[in-house]
């Protein structure tokens, strides 16, 4: 099992690969003190992206809308990033979730399948964000 830093590196590499395949320029900030991991540019439009690695569990892909270390918790805001790119390790897919579309400021769960009880309110389907490169243009 990969440790946290290795998982992050894997996710960033995979997202970068997909972005390059889809005609985006990818800029990588120098150092570890940025809230975003990548910046994309296409046709003069720049987007700041925070990349997350997630393993599906209980029919969902979990998106953490914060960064934690031993000292503090930082909640992302639209001042810091535009998109969270969630790499699902077992599915080998990427979900591009706009930060302004996330209601809960700590966590968002993307459902892989509809709920068994047919609930729709407050449900966010992963398929709505899968490979949504248009959100970056």
Protein backbone atom coordinates (compact mmCIF):
# COMPACT_ATOMS: atom_id res chain seq x y z
CA UNK A 1 0.00 0.00 0.00
CA UNK A 2 1.39 3.38 -1.01
CA UNK A 3 1.89 6.03 1.63
CA UNK A 4 0.05 9.34 1.40
CA UNK A 5 2.77 11.26 -0.50
CA UNK A 6 3.13 8.42 -3.01
CA UNK A 7 -0.64 8.31 -3.54
CA UNK A 8 -0.65 12.06 -4.18
CA UNK A 9 2.20 11.72 -6.68
CA UNK A 10 0.37 8.92 -8.50
CA UNK A 11 -2.83 10.99 -8.69
CA UNK A 12 -1.01 14.10 -9.92
CA UNK A 13 0.87 12.12 -12.58
CA UNK A 14 -2.33 10.46 -13.85
CA UNK A 15 -4.29 13.74 -13.94
CA UNK A 16 -1.39 15.46 -15.73
CA UNK A 17 -1.28 12.64 -18.28
CA UNK A 18 -5.03 12.95 -18.99
CA UNK A 19 -4.85 16.72 -19.25
CA UNK A 20 -1.94 16.60 -21.71
CA UNK A 21 -3.79 13.97 -23.77
CA UNK A 22 -6.73 16.37 -24.01
CA UNK A 23 -4.73 19.36 -25.24
CA UNK A 24 -4.12 21.25 -22.00
CA UNK A 25 -0.88 22.91 -21.00
CA UNK A 26 -0.03 21.89 -17.43
CA UNK A 27 1.96 24.09 -15.10
CA UNK A 28 3.34 22.71 -11.85
CA UNK A 29 4.02 25.21 -9.05
CA UNK A 30 7.42 25.22 -7.39
CA UNK A 31 7.42 24.11 -3.76
CA UNK A 32 4.86 22.65 -1.38
CA UNK A 33 3.29 25.86 -0.07
CA UNK A 34 0.56 26.23 -2.70
CA UNK A 35 -3.06 25.27 -2.18
CA UNK A 36 -3.21 23.96 -5.74
CA UNK A 37 -1.17 21.13 -7.26
CA UNK A 38 -1.49 22.02 -10.95
CA UNK A 39 -2.54 24.87 -13.18
CA UNK A 40 -4.05 24.15 -16.57
CA UNK A 41 -4.13 26.48 -19.53
CA UNK A 42 -6.01 26.10 -22.76
CA UNK A 43 -6.91 28.93 -25.12
CA UNK A 44 -5.83 31.49 -22.53
CA UNK A 45 -8.04 30.09 -19.75
CA UNK A 46 -6.18 29.16 -16.56
CA UNK A 47 -7.58 26.91 -13.81
CA UNK A 48 -6.00 26.05 -10.45
CA UNK A 49 -6.44 22.37 -9.61
CA UNK A 50 -6.09 20.54 -6.31
CA UNK A 51 -5.58 16.82 -6.96
CA UNK A 52 -6.89 14.16 -4.59
CA UNK A 53 -6.40 10.38 -4.53
CA UNK A 54 -9.48 8.44 -3.48
CA UNK A 55 -10.30 4.76 -3.14
CA UNK A 56 -14.01 4.01 -3.68
CA UNK A 57 -15.82 2.78 -0.60
CA UNK A 58 -19.48 1.89 -0.04
CA UNK A 59 -20.46 2.98 -3.53
CA UNK A 60 -18.90 6.44 -3.28
CA UNK A 61 -15.74 8.31 -4.13
CA UNK A 62 -14.90 10.65 -1.28
CA UNK A 63 -13.65 14.17 -2.01
CA UNK A 64 -11.91 15.91 0.86
CA UNK A 65 -12.35 19.66 0.55
CA UNK A 66 -9.50 20.38 2.91
CA UNK A 67 -5.84 19.77 3.49
CA UNK A 68 -4.63 18.34 6.79
CA UNK A 69 -1.20 18.02 8.30
CA UNK A 70 0.06 17.55 11.82
CA UNK A 71 -0.46 21.20 12.66
CA UNK A 72 -3.64 22.48 11.05
CA UNK A 73 -6.59 21.94 8.74
CA UNK A 74 -6.99 24.23 5.73
CA UNK A 75 -10.36 24.38 4.00
CA UNK A 76 -10.12 25.20 0.30
CA UNK A 77 -11.89 28.28 -0.99
CA UNK A 78 -12.53 29.70 -4.47
CA UNK A 79 -9.76 32.23 -3.71
CA UNK A 80 -7.31 29.30 -3.63
CA UNK A 81 -8.47 26.75 -6.21
CA UNK A 82 -11.02 26.35 -8.99
CA UNK A 83 -11.32 22.58 -9.39
CA UNK A 84 -10.67 19.45 -7.34
CA UNK A 85 -9.51 16.60 -9.58
CA UNK A 86 -10.28 13.32 -7.83
CA UNK A 87 -8.34 10.30 -9.05
CA UNK A 88 -10.19 7.09 -8.24
CA UNK A 89 -7.48 4.46 -7.90
CA UNK A 90 -9.56 1.32 -8.34
CA UNK A 91 -11.66 2.71 -11.18
CA UNK A 92 -8.71 4.48 -12.85
CA UNK A 93 -10.95 7.51 -13.49
CA UNK A 94 -10.73 11.22 -12.79
CA UNK A 95 -13.60 13.41 -11.63
CA UNK A 96 -13.26 17.19 -12.08
CA UNK A 97 -15.37 18.85 -9.39
CA UNK A 98 -15.69 22.66 -9.37
CA UNK A 99 -15.11 24.00 -5.89
CA UNK A 100 -18.11 26.30 -6.14
CA UNK A 101 -20.33 23.24 -6.70
CA UNK A 102 -19.46 21.64 -3.36
CA UNK A 103 -21.88 22.50 -0.56
CA UNK A 104 -20.14 20.83 2.40
CA UNK A 105 -16.87 22.59 3.16
CA UNK A 106 -15.12 19.46 4.51
CA UNK A 107 -16.20 16.48 2.42
CA UNK A 108 -18.25 15.57 -0.62
CA UNK A 109 -19.21 12.03 -1.60
CA UNK A 110 -19.67 11.26 -5.27
CA UNK A 111 -22.04 8.34 -5.71
CA UNK A 112 -21.03 5.70 -8.23
CA UNK A 113 -24.56 4.23 -8.42
CA UNK A 114 -28.02 5.54 -7.56
CA UNK A 115 -29.15 5.02 -3.98
CA UNK A 116 -31.18 1.90 -3.21
CA UNK A 117 -33.99 3.99 -1.70
CA UNK A 118 -34.16 6.23 -4.83
CA UNK A 119 -33.14 9.31 -2.81
CA UNK A 120 -31.99 12.18 -5.05
CA UNK A 121 -31.90 15.19 -2.76
CA UNK A 122 -28.33 15.98 -1.64
CA UNK A 123 -26.99 13.17 -3.84
CA UNK A 124 -24.06 14.01 -6.12
CA UNK A 125 -23.48 11.50 -8.91
CA UNK A 126 -19.86 10.82 -9.88
CA UNK A 127 -20.88 10.47 -13.52
CA UNK A 128 -21.69 14.22 -13.59
CA UNK A 129 -17.98 14.98 -13.15
CA UNK A 130 -16.20 12.09 -14.86
CA UNK A 131 -13.60 13.38 -17.35
CA UNK A 132 -15.33 16.79 -17.49
CA UNK A 133 -12.56 18.63 -19.34
CA UNK A 134 -15.13 21.23 -20.42
CA UNK A 135 -15.11 22.56 -16.83
CA UNK A 136 -11.48 23.56 -17.39
CA UNK A 137 -12.03 25.54 -20.60
